[in-house]
C-alpha atoms as a PDB file:
ATOM      1  CA  MET A   1     154.557 -33.021 -18.364  1.00  0.00           C
ATOM      2  CA  VAL A   2     153.179 -34.931 -15.326  1.00  0.00           C
ATOM      3  CA  ALA A   3     150.143 -37.168 -16.129  1.00  0.00           C
ATOM      4  CA  ILE A   4     147.164 -36.522 -14.019  1.00  0.00           C
ATOM      5  CA  SER A   5     143.829 -38.590 -13.443  1.00  0.00           C
ATOM      6  CA  GLU A   6     140.685 -36.921 -12.271  1.00  0.00           C
ATOM      7  CA  SER A   7     137.329 -37.393 -10.282  1.00  0.00           C
ATOM      8  CA  ARG A   8     134.815 -35.026  -9.730  1.00  0.00           C
ATOM      9  CA  SER A   9     131.363 -34.025  -8.531  1.00  0.00           C
ATOM     10  CA  GLY A  10     129.255 -31.640 -10.673  1.00  0.00           C
ATOM     11  CA  GLY A  11     127.951 -27.978  -9.439  1.00  0.00           C
ATOM     12  CA  GLU A  12     130.972 -25.728 -10.356  1.00  0.00           C
ATOM     13  CA  ALA A  13     129.205 -23.597 -13.115  1.00  0.00           C
ATOM     14  CA  ASP A  14     127.754 -20.969 -10.594  1.00  0.00           C
ATOM     15  CA  ALA A  15     130.987 -20.791  -8.672  1.00  0.00           C
ATOM     16  CA  ARG A  16     132.448 -17.278  -7.981  1.00  0.00           C
ATOM     17  CA  ALA A  17     135.907 -18.586  -6.953  1.00  0.00           C
ATOM     18  CA  THR A  18     138.004 -21.724  -7.225  1.00  0.00           C
ATOM     19  CA  ILE A  19     139.792 -22.759  -4.269  1.00  0.00           C
ATOM     20  CA  VAL A  20     143.169 -24.370  -5.219  1.00  0.00           C
ATOM     21  CA  ILE A  21     144.428 -26.997  -2.411  1.00  0.00           C
ATOM     22  CA  ALA A  22     147.702 -28.752  -3.431  1.00  0.00           C
ATOM     23  CA  ALA A  23     148.618 -31.599  -1.121  1.00  0.00           C
ATOM     24  CA  PHE A  24     151.424 -33.796  -0.745  1.00  0.00           C
ATOM     25  CA  ASN A  25     151.238 -36.324   2.402  1.00  0.00           C
ATOM     26  CA  ALA A  26     148.537 -34.018   4.013  1.00  0.00           C
ATOM     27  CA  GLU A  27     146.478 -36.905   5.470  1.00  0.00           C
ATOM     28  CA  ASP A  28     146.273 -35.329   8.839  1.00  0.00           C
ATOM     29  CA  THR A  29     145.276 -32.051   7.765  1.00  0.00           C
ATOM     30  CA  LEU A  30     143.518 -32.119   4.311  1.00  0.00           C
ATOM     31  CA  GLU A  31     139.961 -32.837   5.896  1.00  0.00           C
ATOM     32  CA  ARG A  32     140.012 -29.504   7.973  1.00  0.00           C
ATOM     33  CA  ALA A  33     141.384 -27.285   4.905  1.00  0.00           C
ATOM     34  CA  PHE A  34     138.917 -28.986   2.550  1.00  0.00           C
ATOM     35  CA  THR A  35     136.027 -28.624   4.803  1.00  0.00           C
ATOM     36  CA  SER A  36     136.807 -25.062   5.455  1.00  0.00           C
ATOM     37  CA  ALA A  37     136.707 -24.365   1.554  1.00  0.00           C
ATOM     38  CA  ILE A  38     133.414 -25.964   0.889  1.00  0.00           C
ATOM     39  CA  GLU A  39     131.977 -24.187   3.775  1.00  0.00           C
ATOM     40  CA  GLN A  40     132.455 -20.873   2.206  1.00  0.00           C
ATOM     41  CA  SER A  41     129.321 -18.547   2.301  1.00  0.00           C
ATOM     42  CA  VAL A  42     129.476 -18.066  -1.576  1.00  0.00           C
ATOM     43  CA  PRO A  43     129.305 -20.747  -4.247  1.00  0.00           C
ATOM     44  CA  VAL A  44     132.931 -21.870  -4.974  1.00  0.00           C
ATOM     45  CA  GLU A  45     134.630 -24.701  -6.912  1.00  0.00           C
ATOM     46  CA  THR A  46     137.083 -26.766  -4.888  1.00  0.00           C
ATOM     47  CA  ILE A  47     140.023 -28.728  -6.633  1.00  0.00           C
ATOM     48  CA  VAL A  48     142.503 -30.771  -4.508  1.00  0.00           C
ATOM     49  CA  VAL A  49     145.665 -31.977  -6.375  1.00  0.00           C
ATOM     50  CA  ASP A  50     147.174 -34.968  -4.978  1.00  0.00           C
ATOM     51  CA  ASP A  51     151.036 -34.495  -5.852  1.00  0.00           C
ATOM     52  CA  ALA A  52     151.900 -38.133  -5.869  1.00  0.00           C
ATOM     53  CA  SER A  53     151.295 -38.567  -2.076  1.00  0.00           C
ATOM     54  CA  GLN A  54     153.005 -41.416  -0.140  1.00  0.00           C
ATOM     55  CA  ASP A  55     150.254 -41.833   2.458  1.00  0.00           C
ATOM     56  CA  SER A  56     146.413 -41.978   2.210  1.00  0.00           C
ATOM     57  CA  THR A  57     146.163 -38.353   1.006  1.00  0.00           C
ATOM     58  CA  ALA A  58     144.612 -39.146  -2.395  1.00  0.00           C
ATOM     59  CA  THR A  59     142.218 -41.946  -1.031  1.00  0.00           C
ATOM     60  CA  LEU A  60     140.867 -39.289   1.551  1.00  0.00           C
ATOM     61  CA  ALA A  61     140.608 -36.387  -1.211  1.00  0.00           C
ATOM     62  CA  ASP A  62     138.403 -38.762  -3.307  1.00  0.00           C
ATOM     63  CA  ARG A  63     136.314 -39.573  -0.192  1.00  0.00           C
ATOM     64  CA  LEU A  64     135.928 -35.845   0.733  1.00  0.00           C
ATOM     65  CA  CYS A  65     134.863 -34.695  -2.638  1.00  0.00           C
ATOM     66  CA  ARG A  66     132.390 -37.450  -3.334  1.00  0.00           C
ATOM     67  CA  GLY A  67     129.036 -35.799  -3.562  1.00  0.00           C
ATOM     68  CA  VAL A  68     130.286 -32.390  -2.957  1.00  0.00           C
ATOM     69  CA  PRO A  69     129.091 -29.958  -5.604  1.00  0.00           C
ATOM     70  CA  GLY A  70     131.882 -28.478  -7.292  1.00  0.00           C
ATOM     71  CA  ALA A  71     134.420 -30.506  -5.797  1.00  0.00           C
ATOM     72  CA  ARG A  72     137.095 -32.662  -7.569  1.00  0.00           C
ATOM     73  CA  VAL A  73     140.523 -34.368  -7.326  1.00  0.00           C
ATOM     74  CA  LEU A  74     143.298 -34.365  -9.415  1.00  0.00           C
ATOM     75  CA  ARG A  75     146.073 -36.775  -9.318  1.00  0.00           C
ATOM     76  CA  GLN A  76     149.719 -36.163 -10.287  1.00  0.00           C
ATOM     77  CA  THR A  77     151.480 -39.687 -11.168  1.00  0.00           C
ATOM     78  CA  GLN A  78     154.842 -38.230  -9.960  1.00  0.00           C
ATOM     79  CA  ASN A  79     155.680 -35.366  -7.194  1.00  0.00           C
ATOM     80  CA  ALA A  80     156.233 -32.092  -9.038  1.00  0.00           C
ATOM     81  CA  GLY A  81     156.214 -29.570  -6.266  1.00  0.00           C
ATOM     82  CA  PRO A  82     153.060 -27.072  -5.360  1.00  0.00           C
ATOM     83  CA  ALA A  83     153.791 -24.727  -8.363  1.00  0.00           C
ATOM     84  CA  ALA A  84     153.103 -27.703 -10.696  1.00  0.00           C
ATOM     85  CA  ALA A  85     150.006 -28.923  -8.664  1.00  0.00           C
ATOM     86  CA  ARG A  86     148.683 -25.277  -8.301  1.00  0.00           C
ATOM     87  CA  ASN A  87     148.935 -24.677 -12.065  1.00  0.00           C
ATOM     88  CA  ARG A  88     147.019 -27.783 -13.008  1.00  0.00           C
ATOM     89  CA  ALA A  89     144.030 -26.897 -10.882  1.00  0.00           C
ATOM     90  CA  ILE A  90     144.257 -23.238 -12.280  1.00  0.00           C
ATOM     91  CA  ASP A  91     144.204 -24.661 -15.789  1.00  0.00           C
ATOM     92  CA  ALA A  92     141.275 -27.196 -14.767  1.00  0.00           C
ATOM     93  CA  SER A  93     139.156 -24.506 -12.710  1.00  0.00           C
ATOM     94  CA  THR A  94     136.424 -22.467 -14.284  1.00  0.00           C
ATOM     95  CA  ALA A  95     135.409 -19.714 -11.761  1.00  0.00           C
ATOM     96  CA  PRO A  96     136.495 -15.932 -12.560  1.00  0.00           C
ATOM     97  CA  TRP A  97     138.528 -15.795  -9.211  1.00  0.00           C
ATOM     98  CA  ILE A  98     141.294 -18.210  -7.955  1.00  0.00           C
ATOM     99  CA  ALA A  99     142.397 -18.792  -4.187  1.00  0.00           C
ATOM    100  CA  VAL A 100     145.102 -20.872  -2.830  1.00  0.00           C
ATOM    101  CA  LEU A 101     144.630 -22.682   0.375  1.00  0.00           C
ATOM    102  CA  ASP A 102     147.764 -24.747   1.757  1.00  0.00           C
ATOM    103  CA  ALA A 103     146.566 -28.383   2.770  1.00  0.00           C
ATOM    104  CA  ASP A 104     147.446 -27.490   6.369  1.00  0.00           C
ATOM    105  CA  ASP A 105     145.628 -24.213   6.706  1.00  0.00           C
ATOM    106  CA  HIS A 106     142.148 -23.229   7.117  1.00  0.00           C
ATOM    107  CA  MET A 107     139.944 -20.164   6.551  1.00  0.00           C
ATOM    108  CA  ALA A 108     136.938 -18.670   8.120  1.00  0.00           C
ATOM    109  CA  PRO A 109     133.676 -19.396   6.295  1.00  0.00           C
ATOM    110  CA  ASP A 110     132.907 -15.736   5.051  1.00  0.00           C
ATOM    111  CA  ARG A 111     136.522 -15.173   4.086  1.00  0.00           C
ATOM    112  CA  ILE A 112     136.126 -15.454   0.281  1.00  0.00           C
ATOM    113  CA  ALA A 113     132.955 -13.512   0.029  1.00  0.00           C
ATOM    114  CA  ARG A 114     134.198 -10.718   2.001  1.00  0.00           C
ATOM    115  CA  LEU A 115     137.348 -10.562  -0.231  1.00  0.00           C
ATOM    116  CA  LEU A 116     135.229 -10.848  -3.557  1.00  0.00           C
ATOM    117  CA  ASP A 117     132.791  -8.036  -2.587  1.00  0.00           C
ATOM    118  CA  GLU A 118     136.154  -5.678  -2.149  1.00  0.00           C
ATOM    119  CA  ALA A 119     138.071  -6.723  -5.255  1.00  0.00           C
ATOM    120  CA  GLU A 120     134.931  -6.677  -7.398  1.00  0.00           C
ATOM    121  CA  ARG A 121     134.129  -3.283  -6.136  1.00  0.00           C
ATOM    122  CA  ASP A 122     137.682  -1.367  -6.391  1.00  0.00           C
ATOM    123  CA  GLU A 123     138.560  -3.577  -9.256  1.00  0.00           C
ATOM    124  CA  ILE A 124     141.550  -5.140  -7.664  1.00  0.00           C
ATOM    125  CA  ASP A 125     143.567  -7.852  -9.490  1.00  0.00           C
ATOM    126  CA  LEU A 126     145.267  -9.527  -6.380  1.00  0.00           C
ATOM    127  CA  LEU A 127     143.367  -9.022  -3.033  1.00  0.00           C
ATOM    128  CA  ALA A 128     145.034 -10.425  -0.176  1.00  0.00           C
ATOM    129  CA  ASP A 129     144.448 -10.369   3.581  1.00  0.00           C
ATOM    130  CA  ASP A 130     147.026 -10.311   6.459  1.00  0.00           C
ATOM    131  CA  LEU A 131     147.302 -13.863   7.849  1.00  0.00           C
ATOM    132  CA  TYR A 132     146.742 -15.160  11.155  1.00  0.00           C
ATOM    133  CA  ARG A 133     149.587 -17.714  12.445  1.00  0.00           C
ATOM    134  CA  VAL A 134     148.515 -20.202  14.602  1.00  0.00           C
ATOM    135  CA  ARG A 135     149.727 -23.621  15.816  1.00  0.00           C
ATOM    136  CA  GLU A 136     148.128 -26.783  16.042  1.00  0.00           C
ATOM    137  CA  ASP A 137     147.016 -26.362  19.909  1.00  0.00           C
ATOM    138  CA  ARG A 138     145.380 -23.029  18.982  1.00  0.00           C
ATOM    139  CA  LEU A 139     143.855 -23.273  15.475  1.00  0.00           C
ATOM    140  CA  GLN A 140     141.495 -20.304  15.965  1.00  0.00           C
ATOM    141  CA  ALA A 141     143.974 -17.668  17.581  1.00  0.00           C
ATOM    142  CA  THR A 142     143.987 -14.241  16.591  1.00  0.00           C
ATOM    143  CA  GLN A 143     147.076 -12.577  18.202  1.00  0.00           C
ATOM    144  CA  ASP A 144     150.050 -13.303  15.756  1.00  0.00           C
ATOM    145  CA  ARG A 145     149.682 -11.963  12.345  1.00  0.00           C
ATOM    146  CA  LEU A 146     151.932 -12.126   9.044  1.00  0.00           C
ATOM    147  CA  TRP A 147     152.166  -8.534   8.531  1.00  0.00           C
ATOM    148  CA  SER A 148     150.738  -6.203  11.148  1.00  0.00           C
ATOM    149  CA  ARG A 149     149.942  -6.517  14.825  1.00  0.00           C
ATOM    150  CA  GLN A 150     147.472  -3.855  14.424  1.00  0.00           C
ATOM    151  CA  ASP A 151     144.534  -3.236  12.079  1.00  0.00           C
ATOM    152  CA  PHE A 152     145.551  -0.816   9.167  1.00  0.00           C
ATOM    153  CA  GLY A 153     142.704  -0.673   6.738  1.00  0.00           C
ATOM    154  CA  HIS A 154     144.313  -1.315   3.466  1.00  0.00           C
ATOM    155  CA  ILE A 155     147.500  -0.908   1.491  1.00  0.00           C
ATOM    156  CA  ASP A 156     147.825  -0.754  -2.095  1.00  0.00           C
ATOM    157  CA  VAL A 157     151.181  -2.308  -2.780  1.00  0.00           C
ATOM    158  CA  SER A 158     153.667  -1.572  -5.709  1.00  0.00           C
ATOM    159  CA  LEU A 159     156.238  -3.894  -6.872  1.00  0.00           C
ATOM    160  CA  ALA A 160     159.123  -2.007  -5.188  1.00  0.00           C
ATOM    161  CA  GLU A 161     157.016  -1.991  -1.959  1.00  0.00           C
ATOM    162  CA  PHE A 162     156.168  -5.818  -2.430  1.00  0.00           C
ATOM    163  CA  VAL A 163     159.804  -6.929  -3.316  1.00  0.00           C
ATOM    164  CA  THR A 164     161.359  -4.779  -0.154  1.00  0.00           C
ATOM    165  CA  ALA A 165     158.742  -6.368   2.091  1.00  0.00           C
ATOM    166  CA  ASN A 166     160.106  -9.662   0.987  1.00  0.00           C
ATOM    167  CA  LEU A 167     163.638  -8.853   2.476  1.00  0.00           C
ATOM    168  CA  HIS A 168     164.536 -11.129   5.363  1.00  0.00           C
ATOM    169  CA  GLY A 169     164.031  -9.195   8.431  1.00  0.00           C
ATOM    170  CA  ALA A 170     161.858  -6.638   6.839  1.00  0.00           C
ATOM    171  CA  ARG A 171     158.948  -7.507   8.985  1.00  0.00           C
ATOM    172  CA  GLY A 172     160.444  -9.653  11.473  1.00  0.00           C
ATOM    173  CA  GLN A 173     160.843 -13.514  11.587  1.00  0.00           C
ATOM    174  CA  ARG A 174     158.976 -14.963   8.642  1.00  0.00           C
ATOM    175  CA  GLY A 175     156.944 -11.632   8.032  1.00  0.00           C
ATOM    176  CA  GLU A 176     157.520 -11.629   4.430  1.00  0.00           C
ATOM    177  CA  MET A 177     154.802 -10.575   2.092  1.00  0.00           C
ATOM    178  CA  GLY A 178     155.642 -13.303  -0.172  1.00  0.00           C
ATOM    179  CA  PHE A 179     153.634 -15.593   1.993  1.00  0.00           C
ATOM    180  CA  ILE A 180     150.195 -13.936   1.451  1.00  0.00           C
ATOM    181  CA  LYS A 181     147.421 -15.912  -0.189  1.00  0.00           C
ATOM    182  CA  PRO A 182     145.768 -13.330  -2.357  1.00  0.00           C
ATOM    183  CA  LEU A 183     142.461 -13.883  -4.439  1.00  0.00           C
ATOM    184  CA  MET A 184     143.452 -13.508  -8.069  1.00  0.00           C
ATOM    185  CA  ARG A 185     141.596 -12.428 -10.798  1.00  0.00           C
ATOM    186  CA  ARG A 186     141.618 -15.038 -13.489  1.00  0.00           C
ATOM    187  CA  ARG A 187     141.400 -12.672 -16.402  1.00  0.00           C
ATOM    188  CA  PHE A 188     144.451 -10.838 -15.373  1.00  0.00           C
ATOM    189  CA  LEU A 189     146.410 -14.046 -15.226  1.00  0.00           C
ATOM    190  CA  GLN A 190     145.111 -15.146 -18.443  1.00  0.00           C
ATOM    191  CA  ASP A 191     145.671 -12.064 -20.270  1.00  0.00           C
ATOM    192  CA  HIS A 192     149.446 -11.937 -19.302  1.00  0.00           C
ATOM    193  CA  GLY A 193     150.024 -15.743 -19.473  1.00  0.00           C
ATOM    194  CA  LEU A 194     151.022 -15.813 -15.817  1.00  0.00           C
ATOM    195  CA  ARG A 195     151.450 -18.901 -14.008  1.00  0.00           C
ATOM    196  CA  TYR A 196     153.345 -20.504 -11.030  1.00  0.00           C
ATOM    197  CA  ALA A 197     157.017 -21.311 -12.242  1.00  0.00           C
ATOM    198  CA  GLU A 198     157.251 -25.059 -11.804  1.00  0.00           C
ATOM    199  CA  THR A 199     160.890 -25.029 -11.655  1.00  0.00           C
ATOM    200  CA  MET A 200     160.591 -23.394  -8.113  1.00  0.00           C
ATOM    201  CA  ARG A 201     160.084 -24.987  -4.773  1.00  0.00           C
ATOM    202  CA  LEU A 202     160.921 -21.889  -2.644  1.00  0.00           C
ATOM    203  CA  GLY A 203     159.377 -18.232  -3.381  1.00  0.00           C
ATOM    204  CA  GLU A 204     157.366 -19.273  -6.198  1.00  0.00           C
ATOM    205  CA  ASP A 205     154.382 -17.229  -4.658  1.00  0.00           C
ATOM    206  CA  TYR A 206     156.652 -14.414  -4.567  1.00  0.00           C
ATOM    207  CA  PHE A 207     157.568 -14.694  -8.245  1.00  0.00           C
ATOM    208  CA  LEU A 208     154.131 -14.750  -9.332  1.00  0.00           C
ATOM    209  CA  TYR A 209     152.995 -11.711  -7.395  1.00  0.00           C
ATOM    210  CA  ALA A 210     155.960 -10.041  -8.575  1.00  0.00           C
ATOM    211  CA  GLN A 211     155.480 -10.585 -12.315  1.00  0.00           C
ATOM    212  CA  ALA A 212     152.012  -9.723 -11.684  1.00  0.00           C
ATOM    213  CA  LEU A 213     152.848  -6.389 -10.565  1.00  0.00           C
ATOM    214  CA  ALA A 214     155.377  -5.968 -13.181  1.00  0.00           C
ATOM    215  CA  ALA A 215     152.685  -6.518 -15.475  1.00  0.00           C
ATOM    216  CA  GLY A 216     150.556  -3.761 -14.029  1.00  0.00           C
ATOM    217  CA  ALA A 217     148.363  -5.780 -11.477  1.00  0.00           C
ATOM    218  CA  ARG A 218     146.577  -4.013  -8.661  1.00  0.00           C
ATOM    219  CA  LEU A 219     147.794  -5.709  -5.423  1.00  0.00           C
ATOM    220  CA  ARG A 220     145.958  -4.756  -2.449  1.00  0.00           C
ATOM    221  CA  LEU A 221     146.658  -6.089   1.124  1.00  0.00           C
ATOM    222  CA  VAL A 222     143.670  -5.588   3.742  1.00  0.00           C
ATOM    223  CA  ASP A 223     143.308  -6.385   7.683  1.00  0.00           C
ATOM    224  CA  PRO A 224     142.661 -10.057   8.303  1.00  0.00           C
ATOM    225  CA  ARG A 225     139.641 -11.686   6.892  1.00  0.00           C
ATOM    226  CA  GLY A 226     139.966 -15.126   8.443  1.00  0.00           C
ATOM    227  CA  TYR A 227     142.740 -17.089   6.572  1.00  0.00           C
ATOM    228  CA  PHE A 228     144.669 -19.262   9.574  1.00  0.00           C
ATOM    229  CA  ALA A 229     148.294 -20.344   8.560  1.00  0.00           C
ATOM    230  CA  VAL A 230     149.228 -23.349  10.656  1.00  0.00           C
ATOM    231  CA  GLN A 231     153.028 -23.227  11.871  1.00  0.00           C
ATOM    232  CA  ARG A 232     154.388 -26.537  10.971  1.00  0.00           C
ATOM    233  CA  SER A 233     158.204 -26.966  11.452  1.00  0.00           C
ATOM    234  CA  GLY A 234     158.447 -29.386   8.478  1.00  0.00           C
ATOM    235  CA  SER A 235     156.923 -27.358   5.963  1.00  0.00           C
ATOM    236  CA  LEU A 236     158.436 -26.977   2.431  1.00  0.00           C
ATOM    237  CA  SER A 237     158.800 -23.349   2.953  1.00  0.00           C
ATOM    238  CA  ALA A 238     161.185 -23.707   5.873  1.00  0.00           C
ATOM    239  CA  ALA A 239     163.650 -25.724   3.725  1.00  0.00           C
ATOM    240  CA  HIS A 240     166.092 -23.633   1.716  1.00  0.00           C
ATOM    241  CA  ARG A 241     168.058 -25.945  -0.567  1.00  0.00           C
ATOM    242  CA  THR A 242     170.900 -24.992  -2.650  1.00  0.00           C
ATOM    243  CA  GLU A 243     168.648 -25.606  -5.834  1.00  0.00           C
ATOM    244  CA  ASP A 244     165.933 -23.730  -4.332  1.00  0.00           C
ATOM    245  CA  LEU A 245     167.979 -20.623  -3.724  1.00  0.00           C
ATOM    246  CA  GLU A 246     169.638 -20.805  -7.309  1.00  0.00           C
ATOM    247  CA  ALA A 247     165.969 -20.996  -8.744  1.00  0.00           C
ATOM    248  CA  LEU A 248     165.124 -17.791  -6.741  1.00  0.00           C
ATOM    249  CA  LEU A 249     167.964 -15.871  -7.670  1.00  0.00           C
ATOM    250  CA  ALA A 250     167.168 -16.541 -11.310  1.00  0.00           C
ATOM    251  CA  ALA A 251     163.714 -15.533 -10.806  1.00  0.00           C
ATOM    252  CA  ASP A 252     164.809 -12.093  -9.709  1.00  0.00           C
ATOM    253  CA  GLN A 253     167.123 -11.727 -12.627  1.00  0.00           C
ATOM    254  CA  THR A 254     164.175 -12.557 -14.936  1.00  0.00           C
ATOM    255  CA  LEU A 255     162.395  -9.801 -13.094  1.00  0.00           C
ATOM    256  CA  LEU A 256     165.140  -7.401 -13.651  1.00  0.00           C
ATOM    257  CA  GLN A 257     164.890  -8.026 -17.502  1.00  0.00           C
ATOM    258  CA  HIS A 258     161.360  -6.698 -17.681  1.00  0.00           C
ATOM    259  CA  PRO A 259     161.345  -3.607 -20.101  1.00  0.00           C
ATOM    260  CA  HIS A 260     159.603  -0.955 -17.795  1.00  0.00           C
ATOM    261  CA  LEU A 261     160.618  -1.430 -14.415  1.00  0.00           C
ATOM    262  CA  ALA A 262     160.584   1.697 -12.262  1.00  0.00           C
ATOM    263  CA  ARG A 263     163.886   2.705 -10.853  1.00  0.00           C
ATOM    264  CA  ALA A 264     162.442   1.962  -7.283  1.00  0.00           C
ATOM    265  CA  ALA A 265     161.572  -1.606  -8.201  1.00  0.00           C
ATOM    266  CA  ARG A 266     164.663  -2.222  -9.745  1.00  0.00           C
ATOM    267  CA  ARG A 267     166.663  -0.997  -6.860  1.00  0.00           C
ATOM    268  CA  ALA A 268     164.543  -3.344  -4.418  1.00  0.00           C
ATOM    269  CA  LEU A 269     165.073  -6.204  -6.928  1.00  0.00           C
ATOM    270  CA  ARG A 270     168.807  -5.981  -6.789  1.00  0.00           C
ATOM    271  CA  ARG A 271     168.710  -5.752  -3.047  1.00  0.00           C
ATOM    272  CA  HIS A 272     166.554  -9.048  -2.816  1.00  0.00           C
ATOM    273  CA  SER A 273     168.820 -10.593  -5.576  1.00  0.00           C
ATOM    274  CA  MET A 274     171.907  -9.769  -3.470  1.00  0.00           C
ATOM    275  CA  GLN A 275     170.509 -10.999  -0.321  1.00  0.00           C
ATOM    276  CA  THR A 276     169.407 -14.378  -2.048  1.00  0.00           C
ATOM    277  CA  ARG A 277     172.918 -14.513  -3.651  1.00  0.00           C
ATOM    278  CA  LYS A 278     174.732 -14.550  -0.236  1.00  0.00           C
ATOM    279  CA  GLU A 279     172.522 -17.268   0.835  1.00  0.00           C
ATOM    280  CA  TRP A 280     172.943 -19.302  -2.188  1.00  0.00           C
ATOM    281  CA  ALA A 281     176.838 -18.747  -1.792  1.00  0.00           C
ATOM    282  CA  TRP A 282     176.565 -20.085   1.815  1.00  0.00           C
ATOM    283  CA  ARG A 283     174.765 -23.140   0.829  1.00  0.00           C
ATOM    284  CA  ARG A 284     177.013 -23.898  -2.282  1.00  0.00           C
ATOM    285  CA  LEU A 285     180.079 -23.538   0.551  1.00  0.00           C
ATOM    286  CA  ILE A 286     178.506 -25.993   3.202  1.00  0.00           C
ATOM    287  CA  ASP A 287     177.901 -28.463   0.107  1.00  0.00           C
ATOM    288  CA  ALA A 288     181.565 -28.133  -0.984  1.00  0.00           C
ATOM    289  CA  VAL A 289     182.763 -28.653   2.610  1.00  0.00           C
ATOM    290  CA  LYS A 290     180.578 -31.551   2.838  1.00  0.00           C
ATOM    291  CA  ALA A 291     182.019 -33.177  -0.302  1.00  0.00           C
ATOM    292  CA  ARG A 292     185.436 -32.181   0.158  1.00  0.00           C
ATOM    293  CA  ASP A 293     185.434 -30.198  -3.075  1.00  0.00           C
ATOM    294  CA  LEU A 294     188.375 -27.716  -2.976  1.00  0.00           C
ATOM    295  CA  ALA A 295     187.662 -26.439  -6.377  1.00  0.00           C
ATOM    296  CA  ALA A 296     184.091 -25.377  -5.473  1.00  0.00           C
ATOM    297  CA  MET A 297     185.492 -23.994  -2.205  1.00  0.00           C
ATOM    298  CA  GLY A 298     188.082 -21.961  -4.096  1.00  0.00           C
ATOM    299  CA  ALA A 299     185.400 -20.836  -6.609  1.00  0.00           C
ATOM    300  CA  MET A 300     183.926 -18.852  -3.474  1.00  0.00           C
ATOM    301  CA  TRP A 301     186.886 -16.151  -3.939  1.00  0.00           C
ATOM    302  CA  ARG A 302     185.273 -15.268  -7.311  1.00  0.00           C
ATOM    303  CA  GLU A 303     182.050 -14.005  -5.801  1.00  0.00           C
ATOM    304  CA  PRO A 304     181.451 -10.236  -5.541  1.00  0.00           C
ATOM    305  CA  PRO A 305     182.789  -8.501  -2.701  1.00  0.00           C
ATOM    306  CA  ALA A 306     179.598  -8.296  -0.637  1.00  0.00           C
ATOM    307  CA  VAL A 307     179.145 -11.960  -1.019  1.00  0.00           C
ATOM    308  CA  PHE A 308     182.389 -12.632  -0.088  1.00  0.00           C
ATOM    309  CA  ALA A 309     182.451 -10.454   2.725  1.00  0.00           C
ATOM    310  CA  SER A 310     178.911 -12.170   3.950  1.00  0.00           C
ATOM    311  CA  LEU A 311     180.692 -15.663   3.696  1.00  0.00           C
ATOM    312  CA  ALA A 312     183.880 -14.593   5.849  1.00  0.00           C
ATOM    313  CA  GLY A 313     181.359 -13.085   8.260  1.00  0.00           C
ATOM    314  CA  LYS A 314     179.447 -16.309   8.693  1.00  0.00           C
ATOM    315  CA  LEU A 315     182.801 -18.604   8.839  1.00  0.00           C
ATOM    316  CA  GLY A 316     183.881 -16.113  11.737  1.00  0.00           C
ATOM    317  CA  GLU A 317     180.607 -16.660  13.554  1.00  0.00           C
ATOM    318  CA  GLN A 318     180.788 -20.358  12.938  1.00  0.00           C
ATOM    319  CA  ALA A 319     184.499 -20.580  14.160  1.00  0.00           C
ATOM    320  CA  TRP A 320     183.296 -18.587  17.512  1.00  0.00           C
ATOM    321  CA  LEU A 321     180.457 -20.914  17.927  1.00  0.00           C
ATOM    322  CA  ARG A 322     182.687 -23.821  17.839  1.00  0.00           C
ATOM    323  CA  GLY A 323     185.292 -22.461  20.081  1.00  0.00           C
ATOM    324  CA  ARG A 324     182.767 -21.611  22.739  1.00  0.00           C
ATOM    325  CA  HIS A 325     181.297 -25.375  22.439  1.00  0.00           C
ATOM    326  CA  ARG A 326     184.837 -26.614  22.917  1.00  0.00           C
ATOM    327  CA  LEU A 327     185.427 -24.451  25.717  1.00  0.00           C
ATOM    328  CA  GLY A 328     182.054 -25.937  27.295  1.00  0.00           C
ATOM    329  CA  LEU A 329     180.597 -22.253  27.184  1.00  0.00           C
ATOM    330  CA  GLY A 330     177.691 -23.331  25.096  1.00  0.00           C
ATOM    331  CA  THR A 331     176.412 -21.513  22.024  1.00  0.00           C
ATOM    332  CA  ASP A 332     174.025 -18.719  23.770  1.00  0.00           C
ATOM    333  CA  PRO A 333     175.652 -16.080  25.901  1.00  0.00           C
ATOM    334  CA  ARG A 334     172.401 -15.593  27.588  1.00  0.00           C
ATOM    335  CA  ARG A 335     172.931 -18.828  29.766  1.00  0.00           C
ATOM    336  CA  GLU A 336     175.965 -17.277  31.250  1.00  0.00           C
ATOM    337  CA  ARG A 337     173.936 -14.643  32.962  1.00  0.00           C
END
């Protein structure tokens, strides 16, 4: 287990929600995220977890929390990833609701209050709002959303619908529902022993929400309430390492072992698992080629037919692109027009 040191200010006893901010090398954005958390219109507890940052994030977090009621810092002595950091904060928190805020994102001051009102009124276990996707030069822009360009009211989401909504391309580029940031009922997580999977650094949100749905949670998606997700090219969610994909594939296999899955949910999980396996096989093939590992390259023949066909298609595409490059034609056919 990762050791943690802690500093805190008082005032969390009356908090209606805990806002969890996992931070790694976030000195450029943490203050913005933290300020948006403590300026919520309802009492909140704010927990910043420094995940063994190599910059001044820890020092900044201490300064930001000093003297702020309900704000505290947890420090991990070695980097363990966002799932582990969030779990430490959840275990240390006290409020009946939990909300995750990424260290490079921010929220409108009434977001938590609006989500709390609906979640408590309609007895929702996970209530998520459609996200605004913004850039650093347009931090308050509302034109680009994660899920829908237009208001839709609300959608009560089943496990099958949630998993299907996380297939690549289901909602356009990076439009998967796994990126939502729901307000989560602590009691439901506690009753079902649910936490983020600390072996995962890709899709840990997806796996937690899917596990909650498999356990009977009510998940609702509503129109935007003011979560601004800042698009950054260097974010962890943009990096698909071989081991990340393997862990995501294992998560799907775990979900498929649930004894009471509906048929539609099982079909959706198998589709998601196959899509992940294709990506994992491609990454393994790239690794094998780089390492000149002939045995690992040969092992690709033992993949299921759908996976092997996907590999063959990608290899053909790469050969075509390299051929165009050698002929001086570039890689984008549109440039020839």
